[in-house]
Each structure stands twice: as structure tokens, then as C-alpha cells.
Amino acid sequence: MRVRILNQVWDIKDAADIKPFGLCDHETRKIWIRERQSESERLDTLIHEVLHALAPDADEQSVTRMAKTVSNILWRDKWRRPRKT
């Protein structure tokens, strides 16, 4: 999937071998998300990596805390990934 983050085009891709759950690469403007996660874990990972793209200088603890807060709120509000058809 292609998205715009701070007016730059980024690619978000699934990957089988990303450890632990995701990776944000500023040089290539790519975000990788590990394929085999629960839907709630995937939401948290996606938010986490997008936060890294938005704030590359933010420390890991802050990014983790913010991502968990946002993903929990969205999950409780019943946001879910559309099913593939």
C-alpha cells in the first residue's frame, strides 16, 4: 500500500521475516509489517511504525507508549481491517 506521510510517499509492505513486529526505513521510505500477527497487534505495529516515520527522533519508549494508546482506543471503537475479498 502507498501512503503519504508528511507529504512524502511511503510504501507499507507485509513481510514474513521482520523481527520483532515491524520496521521503518527512512532512507527508502518503506515500512514493513510482520505478516503473522493478530489483528490488534497489527494495528498497534502499523501505528508504531507510522509514528517512527512521523517523528524519526522520538525515542522507542515514547513511540511504543503512544502507539499502544492510539491502537487501544481505535480497537475499543471497533476499528478493524477490511476483509480481503
Protein backbone atom coordinates (compact mmCIF):
# COMPACT_ATOMS: atom_id res chain seq x y z
CA MET A 1 0.00 0.00 0.00
CA ARG A 2 1.23 3.50 -0.77
CA VAL A 3 0.52 6.32 1.69
CA ARG A 4 1.56 9.91 2.24
CA ILE A 5 3.39 10.72 5.45
CA LEU A 6 4.44 14.35 5.89
CA ASN A 7 3.86 14.89 2.17
CA GLN A 8 6.19 12.07 1.16
CA VAL A 9 5.11 8.81 -0.46
CA TRP A 10 5.84 5.75 1.67
CA ASP A 11 5.27 2.07 0.90
CA ILE A 12 3.82 -0.21 3.55
CA LYS A 13 4.53 -3.87 2.90
CA ASP A 14 3.90 -7.20 4.57
CA ALA A 15 6.97 -9.28 5.36
CA ALA A 16 7.36 -12.77 6.77
CA ASP A 17 10.76 -12.30 8.37
CA ILE A 18 10.63 -8.89 10.12
CA LYS A 19 11.69 -9.06 13.78
CA PRO A 20 10.16 -8.26 16.13
CA PHE A 21 6.97 -6.90 14.51
CA GLY A 22 7.77 -4.05 12.14
CA LEU A 23 10.44 -1.82 10.68
CA CYS A 24 10.52 1.78 9.45
CA ASP A 25 13.25 2.68 6.93
CA HIS A 26 13.59 6.42 6.35
CA GLU A 27 16.11 6.08 3.52
CA THR A 28 13.79 4.02 1.32
CA ARG A 29 10.57 5.38 2.87
CA LYS A 30 9.30 1.85 3.46
CA ILE A 31 7.50 0.34 6.41
CA TRP A 32 7.43 -3.44 6.81
CA ILE A 33 4.84 -5.17 8.97
CA ARG A 34 5.21 -8.81 10.02
CA GLU A 35 2.51 -10.89 8.35
CA ARG A 36 1.57 -13.24 11.15
CA GLN A 37 0.15 -11.07 13.92
CA SER A 38 -3.27 -10.83 15.44
CA GLU A 39 -5.40 -8.02 14.04
CA SER A 40 -4.96 -5.95 17.21
CA GLU A 41 -1.17 -6.49 17.17
CA ARG A 42 -1.04 -5.49 13.50
CA LEU A 43 -2.94 -2.28 14.24
CA ASP A 44 -0.51 -1.45 17.05
CA THR A 45 2.52 -2.25 14.86
CA LEU A 46 1.25 -0.18 11.96
CA ILE A 47 0.63 2.83 14.20
CA HIS A 48 4.01 2.32 15.87
CA GLU A 49 5.92 2.32 12.57
CA VAL A 50 3.97 5.29 11.18
CA LEU A 51 4.88 7.22 14.34
CA HIS A 52 8.53 6.42 13.64
CA ALA A 53 8.05 7.84 10.14
CA LEU A 54 6.41 10.96 11.54
CA ALA A 55 8.92 11.50 14.33
CA PRO A 56 12.25 9.86 13.48
CA ASP A 57 13.97 11.34 16.53
CA ALA A 58 11.38 10.11 19.03
CA ASP A 59 12.68 7.54 21.49
CA GLU A 60 11.39 3.97 21.32
CA GLN A 61 9.66 4.12 24.70
CA SER A 62 7.62 7.19 23.70
CA VAL A 63 6.67 5.71 20.32
CA THR A 64 5.63 2.44 21.98
CA ARG A 65 3.51 4.24 24.58
CA MET A 66 1.79 6.49 22.01
CA ALA A 67 1.12 3.63 19.58
CA LYS A 68 -0.35 1.45 22.31
CA THR A 69 -2.63 4.28 23.46
CA VAL A 70 -3.91 5.06 19.95
CA SER A 71 -4.31 1.41 18.93
CA ASN A 72 -6.22 0.58 22.13
CA ILE A 73 -8.62 3.48 21.56
CA LEU A 74 -9.21 2.54 17.91
CA TRP A 75 -9.64 -1.15 18.79
CA ARG A 76 -12.18 -0.34 21.52
CA ASP A 77 -14.05 1.81 18.99
CA LYS A 78 -14.33 -1.30 16.76
CA TRP A 79 -11.90 -0.21 14.01
CA ARG A 80 -10.94 -3.28 12.03
CA ARG A 81 -9.06 -4.08 8.87
CA PRO A 82 -11.36 -4.74 5.92
CA ARG A 83 -11.57 -8.39 4.98
CA LYS A 84 -9.92 -9.36 1.73
CA THR A 85 -12.40 -10.35 -0.95
